[in-house]
C-alpha cells in the first residue's frame, strides 16, 4: 500500500483526516485502521497523542489512579507460548501467598493510599471458586471503600457470578489477540479464542467493569491483526484496556523473538483513548521495563492508571511473565531508580544473620515489615514526583470508569 498523507497537512486544507474521523466517530473501518498504522510517523504520533491527552483530561483531569497489584500465585495450568510462568517451565520457583499474606498486602496498601487491589495470578486450581470468594469477601469486609479487581483467567460464567456476588468489582482478562488464527499461534490447543471471548462477554453481562487488552509486537503480529484488536475493543466497549510491548521470556518457545515497539505501543494508546475517551488506560509495567521513562511517556500518550506492585519482595521476582520485568527487585511503584531496597535487604537475609535472642524471630519479622512499609512509601513518593514532573497527580481514589450508562456505544 502506498504511503498517503493522513495527518495535519490535509486538515489544514479543510479536509477531514483519519484521526479527525476517529475522534468524531470513535471507530474506523478495518482498512482505515491499517492505513493509520502503516503511516505512523513522528508528526502523526504527535497529533494523535495531543488529541488523546485532551480527551483524557476532559474525563479525568490531571488525576492518575493507582492500583495495588498483588501477584498471589505463579502456578498456572496453561502453557501459553509467550508466558514465563507457563505450566511446562520447570525453571520457575512456584509460590502461593496465604490468605493472611494477601490481606496484609491490602492493609499495607490501604495505609499508603491505595483504594483498588488487583489480585492477579495464573490459573491455579488451588485457588478455586470458594477460596477466591472468601478472599474477596475478606478484603471488602476490611476495606469496604475499596474496589477489588480479579485477574485469574478463564472460568465458567457461574463462577464469575459467584465472585461478583462476593464483592468483586472488576475483572481483567487480556484477549491477547482478536484474530483467531493469530491466537492459535500464541497458545496451545487447550486454549481457544472462542472461550476467551466468551469469558469477556460473560463478565460484561454479569456487571463487572471489564478489562481486556493485547500485546504489541507479539510474534507473527501484523497491522491487520492489530486492526482486528481495535475493532474488537469497539465492539466490547471495555471499561479498562491494558496493552504493553511484547517482551520475550527466555525459557519459553518465543524466548528468541524480538521485543515489541515502544513507539507503536504509545501510538496505540493514543488510538484507544480517542476510541474510548472514558476508558481506564494503564501505563503498563512492560512499557516501563523497556524504557526508564515509559510510565511518563504512557501518560503523555493518553494513559491515566498505573499499577504499583504490593507483592511481598521475597516472591516478587518469581512472577516473571517476561524477561527483566521492571520492579521485581523491590517493586515498581516508582519504576527504575525507586527500588524498594529496604525490604529487599531484610527479606534477602539480614534478619536471619542476627544473633538469636529470645523473641528474636518476632522482632526480625517486625523489622522486616517496618522496613518494607518504609520502602514502599519511598517508592510511592517517587512515583508521585514523577507524575508531578509531567503535570499530573497521583490521587487516593477507587478510580472507577466514568462512563455513564446512557453513553452511546
Protein backbone atom coordinates (compact mmCIF):
# COMPACT_ATOMS: atom_id res chain seq x y z
CA UNK A 1 0.00 0.00 0.00
CA UNK A 2 1.44 3.40 -0.99
CA UNK A 3 2.07 5.97 1.68
CA UNK A 4 -0.73 8.53 1.99
CA UNK A 5 -0.94 11.84 3.82
CA UNK A 6 -3.37 11.46 6.64
CA UNK A 7 -2.08 13.91 9.21
CA UNK A 8 -2.14 17.64 9.72
CA UNK A 9 -1.20 18.57 6.11
CA UNK A 10 -4.65 17.53 4.90
CA UNK A 11 -6.51 19.03 7.86
CA UNK A 12 -5.00 22.42 7.06
CA UNK A 13 -6.59 22.20 3.63
CA UNK A 14 -10.01 21.76 5.19
CA UNK A 15 -10.25 18.03 4.60
CA UNK A 16 -11.01 15.59 7.41
CA UNK A 17 -8.07 13.40 8.36
CA UNK A 18 -8.37 9.81 9.53
CA UNK A 19 -7.51 10.96 13.06
CA UNK A 20 -10.27 13.56 12.98
CA UNK A 21 -12.66 10.94 11.66
CA UNK A 22 -11.69 8.62 14.51
CA UNK A 23 -12.33 11.36 17.06
CA UNK A 24 -15.72 12.13 15.54
CA UNK A 25 -16.98 8.57 15.01
CA UNK A 26 -14.96 6.71 17.73
CA UNK A 27 -14.27 3.89 15.27
CA UNK A 28 -12.70 3.35 11.86
CA UNK A 29 -13.04 0.70 9.21
CA UNK A 30 -10.55 -2.14 9.16
CA UNK A 31 -8.81 -0.62 6.12
CA UNK A 32 -8.59 2.82 7.78
CA UNK A 33 -7.01 1.35 10.91
CA UNK A 34 -4.44 -0.42 8.74
CA UNK A 35 -3.72 2.80 6.86
CA UNK A 36 -3.32 4.69 10.14
CA UNK A 37 -0.87 2.11 11.48
CA UNK A 38 1.13 1.85 8.27
CA UNK A 39 1.57 5.62 8.06
CA UNK A 40 2.76 6.11 11.63
CA UNK A 41 5.44 8.79 11.84
CA UNK A 42 6.56 11.42 14.33
CA UNK A 43 4.15 14.11 13.16
CA UNK A 44 1.16 11.79 13.14
CA UNK A 45 2.09 10.39 16.55
CA UNK A 46 2.28 13.93 17.95
CA UNK A 47 -1.13 14.82 16.55
CA UNK A 48 -2.64 11.61 17.89
CA UNK A 49 -1.18 11.97 21.38
CA UNK A 50 -2.28 15.61 21.58
CA UNK A 51 -5.88 14.70 20.85
CA UNK A 52 -5.70 11.72 23.20
CA UNK A 53 -4.37 13.78 26.12
CA UNK A 54 -7.08 16.40 25.59
CA UNK A 55 -9.76 13.70 25.83
CA UNK A 56 -8.11 12.07 28.84
CA UNK A 57 -8.14 15.41 30.66
CA UNK A 58 -11.75 16.12 29.69
CA UNK A 59 -12.82 12.95 31.50
CA UNK A 60 -10.22 12.52 34.24
CA UNK A 61 -8.40 15.83 34.55
CA UNK A 62 -4.81 15.50 35.78
CA UNK A 63 -5.58 12.56 38.08
CA UNK A 64 -3.54 9.35 37.96
CA UNK A 65 -5.22 6.34 39.56
CA UNK A 66 -3.07 3.73 41.28
CA UNK A 67 -3.90 0.03 41.64
CA UNK A 68 -2.21 -2.14 44.24
CA UNK A 69 -1.08 -5.25 42.36
CA UNK A 70 -0.87 -8.46 44.39
CA UNK A 71 0.58 -11.38 42.39
CA UNK A 72 -0.62 -14.08 44.74
CA UNK A 73 0.24 -17.27 42.83
CA UNK A 74 2.54 -18.14 39.94
CA UNK A 75 1.12 -21.64 39.47
CA UNK A 76 -0.72 -21.97 36.17
CA UNK A 77 -2.32 -24.92 34.42
CA UNK A 78 -1.93 -23.31 30.99
CA UNK A 79 1.09 -23.47 28.69
CA UNK A 80 0.88 -20.24 26.67
CA UNK A 81 3.90 -19.99 24.40
CA UNK A 82 4.92 -16.45 25.50
CA UNK A 83 4.44 -16.67 29.26
CA UNK A 84 7.24 -17.15 31.76
CA UNK A 85 5.03 -18.93 34.30
CA UNK A 86 3.66 -21.42 31.76
CA UNK A 87 2.96 -24.86 33.21
CA UNK A 88 5.89 -26.61 31.50
CA UNK A 89 8.54 -24.10 32.61
CA UNK A 90 10.44 -26.18 35.15
CA UNK A 91 12.82 -23.33 35.95
CA UNK A 92 10.15 -21.31 37.74
CA UNK A 93 10.18 -21.39 41.55
CA UNK A 94 6.48 -21.72 42.31
CA UNK A 95 4.76 -19.99 45.20
CA UNK A 96 1.35 -19.21 46.64
CA UNK A 97 0.58 -16.47 49.11
CA UNK A 98 -1.59 -17.35 52.08
CA UNK A 99 -4.84 -15.52 52.74
CA UNK A 100 -3.13 -13.79 55.67
CA UNK A 101 -0.31 -12.57 53.43
CA UNK A 102 -2.76 -11.26 50.82
CA UNK A 103 -4.76 -9.38 53.45
CA UNK A 104 -1.54 -7.97 54.91
CA UNK A 105 -0.64 -6.62 51.45
CA UNK A 106 -4.04 -4.91 51.29
CA UNK A 107 -3.67 -3.45 54.78
CA UNK A 108 -0.26 -2.02 53.95
CA UNK A 109 -1.52 -0.72 50.60
CA UNK A 110 -4.54 0.94 52.18
CA UNK A 111 -2.30 2.85 54.57
CA UNK A 112 -0.32 4.08 51.55
CA UNK A 113 -3.44 5.39 49.81
CA UNK A 114 -4.44 2.53 47.51
CA UNK A 115 -8.19 2.13 47.02
CA UNK A 116 -8.12 -0.64 44.43
CA UNK A 117 -6.46 -4.00 44.91
CA UNK A 118 -5.76 -6.27 41.94
CA UNK A 119 -5.50 -9.99 42.72
CA UNK A 120 -3.54 -11.42 39.83
CA UNK A 121 -2.34 -14.96 39.34
CA UNK A 122 -2.03 -17.86 36.98
CA UNK A 123 -4.95 -20.23 36.56
CA UNK A 124 -4.14 -22.11 39.75
CA UNK A 125 -6.64 -24.86 40.66
CA UNK A 126 -5.71 -24.42 44.34
CA UNK A 127 -7.46 -21.04 44.32
CA UNK A 128 -10.87 -22.31 43.30
CA UNK A 129 -14.30 -20.77 43.43
CA UNK A 130 -14.66 -20.94 47.21
CA UNK A 131 -11.17 -19.71 48.07
CA UNK A 132 -11.39 -16.68 45.79
CA UNK A 133 -14.87 -15.87 47.14
CA UNK A 134 -13.56 -15.92 50.71
CA UNK A 135 -10.64 -13.67 49.76
CA UNK A 136 -12.87 -11.11 48.06
CA UNK A 137 -15.32 -11.10 50.98
CA UNK A 138 -12.48 -10.63 53.47
CA UNK A 139 -10.95 -7.72 51.55
CA UNK A 140 -14.31 -5.99 51.17
CA UNK A 141 -15.08 -6.54 54.85
CA UNK A 142 -11.80 -4.93 55.93
CA UNK A 143 -11.78 -2.21 53.25
CA UNK A 144 -15.39 -1.53 52.20
CA UNK A 145 -14.45 1.68 50.40
CA UNK A 146 -12.07 -0.13 48.06
CA UNK A 147 -12.53 -1.85 44.72
CA UNK A 148 -11.38 -5.43 44.19
CA UNK A 149 -10.17 -6.43 40.76
CA UNK A 150 -9.63 -10.07 39.83
CA UNK A 151 -7.27 -11.27 37.13
CA UNK A 152 -7.26 -15.05 37.36
CA UNK A 153 -8.09 -16.24 33.87
CA UNK A 154 -10.89 -18.17 32.22
CA UNK A 155 -13.73 -19.70 34.27
CA UNK A 156 -17.38 -20.70 33.85
CA UNK A 157 -20.00 -17.97 33.91
CA UNK A 158 -21.44 -19.28 37.20
CA UNK A 159 -18.04 -18.89 38.90
CA UNK A 160 -17.69 -15.33 37.66
CA UNK A 161 -21.17 -14.58 39.00
CA UNK A 162 -20.28 -16.06 42.40
CA UNK A 163 -17.21 -13.83 42.68
CA UNK A 164 -19.22 -10.79 41.59
CA UNK A 165 -21.80 -11.52 44.28
CA UNK A 166 -18.96 -11.89 46.81
CA UNK A 167 -18.00 -8.28 46.06
CA UNK A 168 -15.54 -8.29 43.15
CA UNK A 169 -15.92 -5.05 41.16
CA UNK A 170 -13.67 -5.52 38.15
CA UNK A 171 -12.11 -8.27 36.11
CA UNK A 172 -9.02 -8.14 33.90
CA UNK A 173 -8.70 -10.71 31.12
CA UNK A 174 -6.50 -9.71 28.22
CA UNK A 175 -7.77 -11.16 24.98
CA UNK A 176 -4.12 -11.07 23.71
CA UNK A 177 -5.21 -11.00 20.05
CA UNK A 178 -8.67 -10.79 18.49
CA UNK A 179 -7.68 -12.73 15.38
CA UNK A 180 -8.46 -16.41 15.86
CA UNK A 181 -5.59 -17.65 13.67
CA UNK A 182 -3.08 -15.44 15.47
CA UNK A 183 -4.45 -16.56 18.84
CA UNK A 184 -3.70 -20.18 17.93
CA UNK A 185 -0.13 -19.22 17.03
CA UNK A 186 0.39 -17.94 20.58
CA UNK A 187 -1.43 -20.63 22.59
CA UNK A 188 -1.64 -24.42 22.86
CA UNK A 189 -4.68 -26.27 21.54
CA UNK A 190 -6.12 -26.41 25.06
CA UNK A 191 -6.78 -22.66 24.84
CA UNK A 192 -9.31 -21.28 22.39
CA UNK A 193 -10.07 -17.74 21.22
CA UNK A 194 -13.77 -18.55 21.30
CA UNK A 195 -13.67 -19.35 25.01
CA UNK A 196 -11.56 -16.29 25.82
CA UNK A 197 -14.08 -14.01 24.13
CA UNK A 198 -16.99 -15.89 25.72
CA UNK A 199 -15.49 -15.14 29.12
CA UNK A 200 -15.24 -11.43 28.35
CA UNK A 201 -18.85 -11.23 27.22
CA UNK A 202 -19.99 -13.20 30.29
CA UNK A 203 -18.13 -10.80 32.57
CA UNK A 204 -19.65 -7.81 30.83
CA UNK A 205 -23.19 -9.19 31.08
CA UNK A 206 -22.80 -10.06 34.77
CA UNK A 207 -21.96 -6.45 35.59
CA UNK A 208 -18.20 -6.30 36.13
CA UNK A 209 -16.13 -3.37 34.99
CA UNK A 210 -14.23 -5.36 32.37
CA UNK A 211 -10.66 -5.02 31.21
CA UNK A 212 -9.15 -6.64 28.13
CA UNK A 213 -6.03 -5.93 26.10
CA UNK A 214 -3.25 -7.27 23.94
CA UNK A 215 0.49 -7.47 23.47
CA UNK A 216 2.06 -5.07 20.98
CA UNK A 217 4.62 -6.72 18.74
CA UNK A 218 3.82 -10.30 19.70
CA UNK A 219 5.25 -12.96 17.37
CA UNK A 220 3.62 -13.03 13.89
CA UNK A 221 1.59 -9.89 14.62
CA UNK A 222 0.65 -7.71 11.64
CA UNK A 223 -1.17 -4.41 11.15
CA UNK A 224 -4.15 -6.48 10.02
CA UNK A 225 -4.21 -8.32 13.35
CA UNK A 226 -3.94 -5.03 15.25
CA UNK A 227 -6.87 -3.66 13.25
CA UNK A 228 -8.91 -6.66 14.43
CA UNK A 229 -7.92 -5.87 18.01
CA UNK A 230 -9.14 -2.30 17.68
CA UNK A 231 -12.42 -3.39 16.11
CA UNK A 232 -12.92 -5.88 18.95
CA UNK A 233 -12.35 -3.13 21.54
CA UNK A 234 -15.04 -1.02 19.89
CA UNK A 235 -17.45 -3.95 19.92
CA UNK A 236 -16.81 -4.96 23.53
CA UNK A 237 -16.62 -1.41 24.94
CA UNK A 238 -14.49 -2.42 27.94
CA UNK A 239 -14.05 -0.12 30.92
CA UNK A 240 -10.31 -0.90 31.01
CA UNK A 241 -7.75 -1.72 28.33
CA UNK A 242 -4.25 -2.95 29.12
CA UNK A 243 -1.67 -3.01 26.35
CA UNK A 244 2.09 -3.22 26.52
CA UNK A 245 5.00 -4.19 24.33
CA UNK A 246 5.70 -7.90 23.97
CA UNK A 247 8.83 -8.84 25.92
CA UNK A 248 10.24 -12.36 25.45
CA UNK A 249 10.92 -14.66 28.37
CA UNK A 250 13.97 -16.80 27.62
CA UNK A 251 12.53 -20.07 28.93
CA UNK A 252 9.56 -20.06 26.54
CA UNK A 253 9.18 -21.09 22.88
CA UNK A 254 9.25 -17.38 21.99
CA UNK A 255 12.37 -16.64 24.03
CA UNK A 256 14.35 -15.65 20.97
CA UNK A 257 11.77 -13.31 19.47
CA UNK A 258 12.36 -9.52 19.40
CA UNK A 259 10.57 -7.25 21.83
CA UNK A 260 7.68 -5.06 20.74
CA UNK A 261 7.99 -1.40 19.83
CA UNK A 262 7.60 1.33 22.44
CA UNK A 263 6.66 3.83 19.74
CA UNK A 264 3.90 1.61 18.37
CA UNK A 265 2.60 0.94 21.88
CA UNK A 266 2.34 4.68 22.58
CA UNK A 267 0.66 5.22 19.21
CA UNK A 268 -1.93 2.56 20.03
CA UNK A 269 -2.54 4.06 23.48
CA UNK A 270 -3.48 7.27 21.71
CA UNK A 271 -5.80 5.48 19.30
CA UNK A 272 -7.53 3.64 22.15
CA UNK A 273 -8.01 6.83 24.19
CA UNK A 274 -9.66 8.51 21.20
CA UNK A 275 -11.83 5.43 20.53
CA UNK A 276 -12.84 5.08 24.19
CA UNK A 277 -12.44 8.53 25.78
CA UNK A 278 -13.62 7.39 29.23
CA UNK A 279 -11.60 4.16 29.38
CA UNK A 280 -9.22 3.36 32.24
CA UNK A 281 -5.89 3.03 30.45
CA UNK A 282 -2.74 1.90 32.30
CA UNK A 283 0.84 2.78 31.52
CA UNK A 284 1.94 -0.81 31.97
CA UNK A 285 4.95 -2.32 33.69
CA UNK A 286 6.13 -3.74 30.35
CA UNK A 287 6.37 -0.21 28.95
CA UNK A 288 8.49 0.88 31.90
CA UNK A 289 10.65 -2.23 31.57
CA UNK A 290 11.79 -1.30 28.06
CA UNK A 291 12.08 2.44 28.72
CA UNK A 292 13.03 4.03 32.03
CA UNK A 293 10.58 6.83 31.25
CA UNK A 294 7.94 4.51 29.85
CA UNK A 295 5.43 5.43 32.53
CA UNK A 296 5.69 9.13 31.78
CA UNK A 297 5.51 8.52 28.04
CA UNK A 298 2.43 6.36 28.54
CA UNK A 299 0.68 9.11 30.49
CA UNK A 300 1.56 11.65 27.80
CA UNK A 301 0.05 9.32 25.19
CA UNK A 302 -3.33 9.16 26.96
CA UNK A 303 -2.96 6.73 29.89
CA UNK A 304 -4.34 7.53 33.37
CA UNK A 305 -3.61 4.44 35.50
CA UNK A 306 -0.52 2.76 36.90
CA UNK A 307 -0.23 -0.43 38.94
CA UNK A 308 2.46 -0.41 41.65
CA UNK A 309 3.37 -3.83 42.97
CA UNK A 310 2.38 -4.74 46.53
CA UNK A 311 3.54 -8.36 46.23
CA UNK A 312 5.98 -9.34 49.01
CA UNK A 313 9.55 -8.89 47.84
CA UNK A 314 10.55 -12.44 48.72
CA UNK A 315 8.41 -13.82 45.87
CA UNK A 316 8.05 -10.86 43.51
CA UNK A 317 10.92 -11.93 41.30
CA UNK A 318 9.29 -15.32 40.76
CA UNK A 319 6.30 -13.81 38.95
CA UNK A 320 8.43 -13.34 35.85
CA UNK A 321 5.97 -13.26 32.96
CA UNK A 322 8.76 -11.88 30.77
CA UNK A 323 12.48 -11.15 30.99
CA UNK A 324 13.71 -8.19 33.02
CA UNK A 325 10.29 -7.30 34.41
CA UNK A 326 10.57 -3.85 35.96
CA UNK A 327 10.05 -3.81 39.70
CA UNK A 328 10.80 -7.45 40.51
CA UNK A 329 13.59 -6.33 42.84
CA UNK A 330 11.66 -4.21 45.23
CA UNK A 331 8.53 -3.09 43.44
CA UNK A 332 7.59 -0.89 40.54
CA UNK A 333 5.72 1.91 42.26
CA UNK A 334 8.47 4.30 41.34
CA UNK A 335 9.83 2.27 38.47
CA UNK A 336 13.58 2.27 37.83
CA UNK A 337 15.51 4.37 40.30
CA UNK A 338 12.99 3.87 43.09
CA UNK A 339 13.68 0.31 44.16
CA UNK A 340 12.29 -0.81 47.49
CA UNK A 341 15.78 -1.66 48.75
CA UNK A 342 14.96 -1.75 52.44
CA UNK A 343 12.51 -4.61 52.09
CA UNK A 344 14.86 -6.45 49.74
CA UNK A 345 17.70 -6.15 52.24
CA UNK A 346 15.72 -7.61 55.14
CA UNK A 347 13.98 -10.30 53.06
CA UNK A 348 17.31 -11.18 51.45
CA UNK A 349 18.84 -12.43 54.66
CA UNK A 350 19.98 -9.66 57.01
CA UNK A 351 17.34 -10.59 59.59
CA UNK A 352 18.48 -14.23 59.61
CA UNK A 353 22.09 -13.14 60.22
CA UNK A 354 21.22 -11.52 63.55
CA UNK A 355 22.36 -13.26 66.72
CA UNK A 356 19.43 -15.32 68.07
CA UNK A 357 17.88 -13.84 71.21
CA UNK A 358 14.61 -14.56 73.00
CA UNK A 359 11.83 -13.17 70.87
CA UNK A 360 14.28 -12.51 68.06
CA UNK A 361 12.16 -14.10 65.34
CA UNK A 362 9.23 -11.88 66.22
CA UNK A 363 11.49 -8.82 66.24
CA UNK A 364 13.06 -9.77 62.88
CA UNK A 365 9.61 -10.10 61.34
CA UNK A 366 8.57 -6.76 62.82
CA UNK A 367 11.71 -5.10 61.44
CA UNK A 368 11.10 -6.67 58.03
CA UNK A 369 7.53 -5.37 57.88
CA UNK A 370 8.52 -1.90 59.04
CA UNK A 371 11.34 -1.78 56.51
CA UNK A 372 9.04 -2.94 53.72
CA UNK A 373 6.45 -0.29 54.56
CA UNK A 374 9.14 2.42 54.62
CA UNK A 375 10.47 1.30 51.24
CA UNK A 376 7.01 1.27 49.70
CA UNK A 377 6.26 4.77 50.99
CA UNK A 378 9.51 5.98 49.44
CA UNK A 379 8.69 4.30 46.13
CA UNK A 380 5.19 5.74 46.05
CA UNK A 381 6.67 9.14 46.82
CA UNK A 382 8.99 8.72 43.85
CA UNK A 383 6.02 7.85 41.65
CA UNK A 384 4.16 10.94 42.81
CA UNK A 385 7.17 13.10 41.94
CA UNK A 386 7.48 11.50 38.50
CA UNK A 387 3.85 12.27 37.76
CA UNK A 388 4.06 15.81 39.15
CA UNK A 389 7.07 16.45 36.90
CA UNK A 390 4.84 16.00 33.85
CA UNK A 391 1.88 17.90 35.27
CA UNK A 392 -0.16 15.04 36.75
CA UNK A 393 -1.03 13.96 40.28
CA UNK A 394 -1.47 10.58 41.96
CA UNK A 395 -4.78 10.54 43.84
CA UNK A 396 -6.32 8.44 46.60
CA UNK A 397 -9.41 7.15 44.84
CA UNK A 398 -11.05 3.92 43.69
CA UNK A 399 -10.66 5.27 40.19
CA UNK A 400 -13.82 3.89 38.61
CA UNK A 401 -14.59 4.30 34.94
CA UNK A 402 -16.57 7.50 34.40
CA UNK A 403 -18.78 6.03 31.72
CA UNK A 404 -22.45 6.78 32.14
CA UNK A 405 -24.97 4.08 31.36
CA UNK A 406 -26.54 6.46 28.86
CA UNK A 407 -23.28 6.99 26.97
CA UNK A 408 -23.64 5.81 23.38
CA UNK A 409 -21.79 2.69 22.30
